[in-house]
Amino acid sequence: MDEITVLVTWPDSMLGRYGDMLSVSDVSHVLNLEPRNIRCLVTSTDVATWLPGLKIGKSWRIARDQLRAYLIGHHNDDSALSFPNDERGPAS
C-alpha cells in the first residue's frame, strides 16, 4: 500500500463504527481528547483549526465525512489541537 493510500484511508478505521453524524463525545473518544477540546475546535474562529460542526439546541454534531477530511488535512499539524492556556483549563 502506498503512502497516499494509507494517508487517505487511516481515518476510516477509526470512524467505521459511527454513523453519519458524531456527537462531541463520539469525536472525543475517537481522538482521545477531552470533550471541551472538541467544542473549542467547532467554535474556533481560526480557519486553520476550525472543525465544521452543526449545533442543534445545546448539542454539537460533526459529520463523519467532515471529520475524516479534517483528520486527513491536519494529520501532522500540532497547532490544530493546541489552545491558549485559558481554553485548556487548569494545568495538570
Protein backbone atom coordinates (compact mmCIF):
# COMPACT_ATOMS: atom_id res chain seq x y z
CA MET A 1 0.00 0.00 0.00
CA ASP A 2 1.50 3.36 -0.95
CA GLU A 3 1.81 6.32 1.43
CA ILE A 4 -1.02 8.32 -0.15
CA THR A 5 -3.46 5.41 0.13
CA VAL A 6 -2.56 4.95 3.80
CA LEU A 7 -2.96 8.69 4.45
CA VAL A 8 -6.43 8.78 2.93
CA THR A 9 -7.75 5.53 4.43
CA TRP A 10 -6.49 5.58 8.04
CA PRO A 11 -9.39 7.69 9.41
CA ASP A 12 -11.86 5.11 8.09
CA SER A 13 -10.59 2.50 10.54
CA MET A 14 -11.32 4.86 13.45
CA LEU A 15 -14.66 6.14 12.19
CA GLY A 16 -16.15 2.98 10.69
CA ARG A 17 -18.34 2.10 13.68
CA TYR A 18 -20.00 5.52 13.84
CA GLY A 19 -22.96 6.80 11.86
CA ASP A 20 -23.02 9.79 9.56
CA MET A 21 -23.13 12.30 12.44
CA LEU A 22 -20.98 12.14 15.58
CA SER A 23 -21.51 13.83 18.91
CA VAL A 24 -18.78 15.73 20.73
CA SER A 25 -18.46 12.69 22.99
CA ASP A 26 -18.01 10.37 20.00
CA VAL A 27 -15.31 12.59 18.49
CA SER A 28 -13.54 12.91 21.84
CA HIS A 29 -13.41 9.09 22.10
CA VAL A 30 -12.12 8.72 18.54
CA LEU A 31 -9.38 11.33 19.01
CA ASN A 32 -8.71 10.57 22.69
CA LEU A 33 -9.23 14.23 23.59
CA GLU A 34 -11.34 15.96 26.21
CA PRO A 35 -14.82 16.98 25.01
CA ARG A 36 -14.01 20.62 25.82
CA ASN A 37 -11.18 20.49 23.26
CA ILE A 38 -13.61 19.27 20.59
CA ARG A 39 -16.00 22.10 21.49
CA CYS A 40 -13.08 24.54 21.10
CA LEU A 41 -12.43 23.17 17.61
CA VAL A 42 -16.05 23.52 16.45
CA THR A 43 -16.35 27.03 17.90
CA SER A 44 -12.93 28.23 16.77
CA THR A 45 -12.78 31.47 14.82
CA ASP A 46 -9.38 30.47 13.42
CA VAL A 47 -9.98 28.97 9.99
CA ALA A 48 -6.81 26.86 10.32
CA THR A 49 -8.13 24.96 13.36
CA TRP A 50 -11.89 25.11 12.86
CA LEU A 51 -13.72 21.78 12.71
CA PRO A 52 -17.07 22.12 10.91
CA GLY A 53 -19.98 21.21 13.14
CA LEU A 54 -23.70 21.74 13.43
CA LYS A 55 -25.26 22.97 16.65
CA ILE A 56 -28.69 21.55 17.35
CA GLY A 57 -30.12 23.05 20.51
CA LYS A 58 -27.28 22.78 23.02
CA SER A 59 -25.57 19.84 21.32
CA TRP A 60 -22.95 19.78 18.58
CA ARG A 61 -22.91 17.22 15.77
CA ILE A 62 -19.96 16.65 13.47
CA ALA A 63 -20.42 14.97 10.10
CA ARG A 64 -18.24 11.86 9.77
CA ASP A 65 -17.10 12.94 6.28
CA GLN A 66 -16.08 16.39 7.52
CA LEU A 67 -14.21 14.89 10.48
CA ARG A 68 -12.45 12.49 8.10
CA ALA A 69 -11.42 15.38 5.84
CA TYR A 70 -10.28 17.38 8.89
CA LEU A 71 -8.13 14.50 10.13
CA ILE A 72 -6.53 14.00 6.72
CA GLY A 73 -5.89 17.72 6.37
CA HIS A 74 -4.40 18.06 9.86
CA HIS A 75 -2.66 14.69 10.19
CA ASN A 76 0.66 16.19 11.29
CA ASP A 77 -0.46 19.66 12.32
CA ASP A 78 0.01 20.01 16.09
CA SER A 79 -1.36 23.56 16.04
CA ALA A 80 -4.84 22.20 15.26
CA LEU A 81 -5.06 20.69 18.74
CA SER A 82 -3.28 23.36 20.77
CA PHE A 83 -5.19 26.03 22.62
CA PRO A 84 -4.25 29.03 24.71
CA ASN A 85 -3.90 28.09 28.39
CA ASP A 86 -7.22 29.72 29.33
CA GLU A 87 -9.12 27.34 27.00
CA ARG A 88 -7.47 24.15 28.28
CA GLY A 89 -8.42 24.62 31.89
CA PRO A 90 -6.14 24.15 34.87
CA ALA A 91 -2.68 22.76 34.23
CA SER A 92 -2.11 19.19 35.35
